[in-house]
Amino acid sequence: MARKKTIAGEFALFDVLYEDGSRRSNRRVPAELLGGLDGDEPARAVIEGQDREIAERSGQPPNRIKLIARAGELDSPRTAKKAWKADAAD
């Protein structure tokens, strides 16, 4: 029987919190773009591009991204504190 091709190492998953309070989980970003001197910052550009494409197809304006974190990290106290500080700055 054929096995499913794994993609675990090919992509990194990110959770995205938007300024309107909505959240999207497990957004895929190619792993090859991450980890250099910029760390996870290139993920923002990739996800913003995905959001523009989704907004274009749906006919609605894209949401503004407030915070991006690796999948599962948005629920951690450290990331919650970072989100709170972002709210205070606005």
N, C-alpha and C. Protein backbone atom coordinates (compact mmCIF):
# COMPACT_ATOMS: atom_id res chain seq x y z
N MET A 1 0.84 -1.17 0.00
CA MET A 1 0.00 0.00 0.00
C MET A 1 0.89 1.24 0.00
N ALA A 2 0.49 2.25 -0.74
CA ALA A 2 1.28 3.48 -0.84
C ALA A 2 1.10 4.31 0.43
N ARG A 3 2.18 4.96 0.82
CA ARG A 3 2.13 5.84 2.00
C ARG A 3 1.90 7.28 1.57
N LYS A 4 1.29 8.04 2.47
CA LYS A 4 1.13 9.46 2.21
C LYS A 4 2.48 10.15 2.30
N LYS A 5 2.70 11.06 1.41
CA LYS A 5 3.94 11.83 1.43
C LYS A 5 3.89 12.81 2.61
N THR A 6 4.93 12.81 3.43
CA THR A 6 4.96 13.72 4.57
C THR A 6 5.49 15.08 4.16
N ILE A 7 4.95 16.10 4.79
CA ILE A 7 5.39 17.47 4.49
C ILE A 7 5.86 18.17 5.76
N ALA A 8 6.06 17.41 6.82
CA ALA A 8 6.39 18.00 8.12
C ALA A 8 7.60 18.92 8.04
N GLY A 9 8.66 18.53 7.36
CA GLY A 9 9.86 19.35 7.31
C GLY A 9 9.82 20.43 6.26
N GLU A 10 8.84 20.40 5.39
CA GLU A 10 8.77 21.35 4.30
C GLU A 10 8.12 22.68 4.69
N PHE A 11 7.25 22.64 5.69
CA PHE A 11 6.50 23.83 6.09
C PHE A 11 6.57 24.03 7.60
N ALA A 12 6.48 25.28 8.00
CA ALA A 12 6.31 25.63 9.41
C ALA A 12 4.90 26.18 9.55
N LEU A 13 4.26 25.86 10.65
CA LEU A 13 2.89 26.30 10.88
C LEU A 13 2.87 27.50 11.82
N PHE A 14 2.03 28.48 11.50
CA PHE A 14 1.92 29.70 12.29
C PHE A 14 0.47 29.98 12.61
N ASP A 15 0.24 30.55 13.80
CA ASP A 15 -1.06 31.08 14.18
C ASP A 15 -0.99 32.59 14.00
N VAL A 16 -2.08 33.17 13.51
CA VAL A 16 -2.11 34.60 13.22
C VAL A 16 -3.25 35.25 13.99
N LEU A 17 -2.95 36.33 14.70
CA LEU A 17 -3.94 37.12 15.40
C LEU A 17 -4.09 38.43 14.65
N TYR A 18 -5.33 38.78 14.32
CA TYR A 18 -5.59 39.99 13.54
C TYR A 18 -6.06 41.12 14.45
N GLU A 19 -5.95 42.35 13.97
CA GLU A 19 -6.31 43.52 14.76
C GLU A 19 -7.78 43.53 15.16
N ASP A 20 -8.66 42.90 14.37
CA ASP A 20 -10.08 42.85 14.72
C ASP A 20 -10.39 41.77 15.76
N GLY A 21 -9.36 41.06 16.23
CA GLY A 21 -9.54 40.03 17.25
C GLY A 21 -9.71 38.63 16.71
N SER A 22 -9.86 38.50 15.39
CA SER A 22 -10.00 37.16 14.82
C SER A 22 -8.65 36.46 14.80
N ARG A 23 -8.70 35.15 14.64
CA ARG A 23 -7.49 34.33 14.70
C ARG A 23 -7.58 33.24 13.64
N ARG A 24 -6.46 32.97 13.01
CA ARG A 24 -6.36 31.87 12.04
C ARG A 24 -5.22 30.99 12.50
N SER A 25 -5.44 29.70 12.48
CA SER A 25 -4.44 28.76 12.97
C SER A 25 -3.85 27.94 11.84
N ASN A 26 -2.63 27.48 12.08
CA ASN A 26 -1.93 26.54 11.20
C ASN A 26 -1.76 27.05 9.78
N ARG A 27 -1.35 28.31 9.64
CA ARG A 27 -1.03 28.86 8.33
C ARG A 27 0.33 28.33 7.93
N ARG A 28 0.44 27.76 6.74
CA ARG A 28 1.67 27.13 6.29
C ARG A 28 2.60 28.12 5.62
N VAL A 29 3.88 28.06 6.01
CA VAL A 29 4.94 28.90 5.44
C VAL A 29 6.09 27.97 5.08
N PRO A 30 6.66 28.07 3.88
CA PRO A 30 7.79 27.21 3.52
C PRO A 30 8.94 27.35 4.52
N ALA A 31 9.40 26.24 5.03
CA ALA A 31 10.45 26.22 6.06
C ALA A 31 11.76 26.81 5.54
N GLU A 32 12.01 26.72 4.25
CA GLU A 32 13.27 27.21 3.68
C GLU A 32 13.41 28.72 3.80
N LEU A 33 12.29 29.44 4.02
CA LEU A 33 12.34 30.90 4.14
C LEU A 33 12.67 31.35 5.55
N LEU A 34 12.64 30.44 6.50
CA LEU A 34 12.77 30.79 7.91
C LEU A 34 14.12 30.40 8.48
N GLY A 35 14.46 30.99 9.61
CA GLY A 35 15.61 30.55 10.37
C GLY A 35 16.92 31.28 10.11
N GLY A 36 16.98 32.15 9.15
CA GLY A 36 18.21 32.91 8.91
C GLY A 36 18.36 34.01 9.95
N LEU A 37 19.01 35.06 9.58
CA LEU A 37 19.19 36.19 10.49
C LEU A 37 17.86 36.84 10.85
N ASP A 38 16.88 36.73 9.96
CA ASP A 38 15.57 37.34 10.19
C ASP A 38 14.66 36.46 11.03
N GLY A 39 15.06 35.23 11.32
CA GLY A 39 14.24 34.32 12.12
C GLY A 39 12.92 34.01 11.44
N ASP A 40 11.82 34.27 12.14
CA ASP A 40 10.49 33.99 11.61
C ASP A 40 9.85 35.19 10.92
N GLU A 41 10.56 36.31 10.85
CA GLU A 41 9.99 37.53 10.26
C GLU A 41 9.54 37.34 8.80
N PRO A 42 10.23 36.56 7.97
CA PRO A 42 9.74 36.35 6.60
C PRO A 42 8.36 35.70 6.54
N ALA A 43 7.94 35.05 7.61
CA ALA A 43 6.61 34.43 7.64
C ALA A 43 5.52 35.49 7.50
N ARG A 44 5.75 36.67 8.06
CA ARG A 44 4.75 37.74 7.98
C ARG A 44 4.48 38.11 6.52
N ALA A 45 5.52 38.27 5.73
CA ALA A 45 5.34 38.63 4.32
C ALA A 45 4.59 37.54 3.55
N VAL A 46 4.92 36.29 3.84
CA VAL A 46 4.25 35.17 3.16
C VAL A 46 2.77 35.14 3.53
N ILE A 47 2.49 35.28 4.82
CA ILE A 47 1.10 35.23 5.28
C ILE A 47 0.32 36.44 4.78
N GLU A 48 0.94 37.61 4.75
CA GLU A 48 0.26 38.78 4.19
C GLU A 48 -0.07 38.56 2.72
N GLY A 49 0.83 37.92 1.98
CA GLY A 49 0.55 37.59 0.58
C GLY A 49 -0.61 36.62 0.46
N GLN A 50 -0.65 35.62 1.33
CA GLN A 50 -1.77 34.67 1.33
C GLN A 50 -3.07 35.40 1.64
N ASP A 51 -3.02 36.32 2.62
CA ASP A 51 -4.22 37.08 2.99
C ASP A 51 -4.71 37.95 1.84
N ARG A 52 -3.78 38.58 1.11
CA ARG A 52 -4.19 39.41 -0.03
C ARG A 52 -4.89 38.56 -1.09
N GLU A 53 -4.34 37.37 -1.34
CA GLU A 53 -4.95 36.48 -2.33
C GLU A 53 -6.34 36.03 -1.88
N ILE A 54 -6.48 35.68 -0.61
CA ILE A 54 -7.79 35.27 -0.08
C ILE A 54 -8.78 36.42 -0.16
N ALA A 55 -8.34 37.63 0.21
CA ALA A 55 -9.22 38.80 0.18
C ALA A 55 -9.66 39.11 -1.25
N GLU A 56 -8.73 38.98 -2.18
CA GLU A 56 -9.05 39.24 -3.58
C GLU A 56 -10.12 38.28 -4.08
N ARG A 57 -9.98 37.03 -3.73
CA ARG A 57 -10.95 36.01 -4.17
C ARG A 57 -12.31 36.18 -3.51
N SER A 58 -12.30 36.63 -2.24
CA SER A 58 -13.56 36.76 -1.51
C SER A 58 -14.24 38.11 -1.75
N GLY A 59 -13.48 39.08 -2.26
CA GLY A 59 -14.04 40.40 -2.49
C GLY A 59 -14.10 41.26 -1.24
N GLN A 60 -13.42 40.85 -0.18
CA GLN A 60 -13.39 41.61 1.06
C GLN A 60 -11.98 42.13 1.30
N PRO A 61 -11.85 43.24 2.03
CA PRO A 61 -10.50 43.74 2.32
C PRO A 61 -9.76 42.80 3.27
N PRO A 62 -8.44 42.71 3.14
CA PRO A 62 -7.68 41.83 4.04
C PRO A 62 -7.63 42.42 5.45
N ASN A 63 -7.63 41.52 6.43
CA ASN A 63 -7.47 41.95 7.83
C ASN A 63 -6.01 42.35 8.06
N ARG A 64 -5.80 43.28 8.98
CA ARG A 64 -4.44 43.68 9.34
C ARG A 64 -3.92 42.74 10.41
N ILE A 65 -2.71 42.25 10.22
CA ILE A 65 -2.10 41.31 11.15
C ILE A 65 -1.58 42.06 12.36
N LYS A 66 -1.91 41.54 13.53
CA LYS A 66 -1.44 42.11 14.79
C LYS A 66 -0.23 41.33 15.31
N LEU A 67 -0.29 39.99 15.24
CA LEU A 67 0.74 39.16 15.83
C LEU A 67 0.81 37.82 15.11
N ILE A 68 2.01 37.35 14.86
CA ILE A 68 2.23 36.03 14.27
C ILE A 68 3.12 35.25 15.23
N ALA A 69 2.74 33.98 15.47
CA ALA A 69 3.55 33.12 16.34
C ALA A 69 3.50 31.70 15.79
N ARG A 70 4.52 30.93 16.10
CA ARG A 70 4.52 29.53 15.71
C ARG A 70 3.27 28.86 16.26
N ALA A 71 2.76 27.87 15.56
CA ALA A 71 1.54 27.18 15.96
C ALA A 71 1.65 26.71 17.40
N GLY A 72 0.62 27.02 18.18
CA GLY A 72 0.57 26.63 19.58
C GLY A 72 1.15 27.64 20.53
N GLU A 73 1.90 28.62 20.05
CA GLU A 73 2.55 29.59 20.93
C GLU A 73 1.65 30.76 21.32
N LEU A 74 0.58 31.01 20.57
CA LEU A 74 -0.29 32.14 20.92
C LEU A 74 -0.97 31.92 22.26
N ASP A 75 -1.12 30.67 22.66
CA ASP A 75 -1.77 30.38 23.93
C ASP A 75 -0.81 30.43 25.11
N SER A 76 0.49 30.60 24.85
CA SER A 76 1.46 30.63 25.94
C SER A 76 1.42 32.00 26.62
N PRO A 77 1.72 32.04 27.92
CA PRO A 77 1.69 33.33 28.64
C PRO A 77 2.65 34.36 28.06
N ARG A 78 3.81 33.92 27.57
CA ARG A 78 4.79 34.84 27.01
C ARG A 78 4.25 35.56 25.78
N THR A 79 3.60 34.81 24.89
CA THR A 79 3.04 35.42 23.68
C THR A 79 1.82 36.25 24.02
N ALA A 80 1.03 35.83 24.99
CA ALA A 80 -0.12 36.62 25.41
C ALA A 80 0.33 37.98 25.93
N LYS A 81 1.45 38.00 26.65
CA LYS A 81 1.99 39.26 27.16
C LYS A 81 2.43 40.16 26.00
N LYS A 82 3.03 39.55 24.95
CA LYS A 82 3.45 40.31 23.78
C LYS A 82 2.22 40.92 23.08
N ALA A 83 1.14 40.16 22.99
CA ALA A 83 -0.09 40.66 22.36
C ALA A 83 -0.68 41.79 23.18
N TRP A 84 -0.61 41.67 24.52
CA TRP A 84 -1.12 42.72 25.38
C TRP A 84 -0.33 44.01 25.19
N LYS A 85 0.99 43.89 25.08
CA LYS A 85 1.82 45.07 24.86
C LYS A 85 1.51 45.72 23.52
N ALA A 86 1.21 44.90 22.50
CA ALA A 86 0.84 45.44 21.19
C ALA A 86 -0.46 46.22 21.29
N ASP A 87 -1.42 45.74 22.11
CA ASP A 87 -2.67 46.46 22.32
C ASP A 87 -2.42 47.80 23.00
N ALA A 88 -1.54 47.80 23.99
CA ALA A 88 -1.25 49.03 24.74
C ALA A 88 -0.58 50.08 23.84
N ALA A 89 0.21 49.62 22.87
CA ALA A 89 0.90 50.55 21.97
C ALA A 89 -0.07 51.21 21.00
N ASP A 90 -1.17 50.52 20.69
CA ASP A 90 -2.17 51.07 19.75
C ASP A 90 -2.97 52.09 20.47
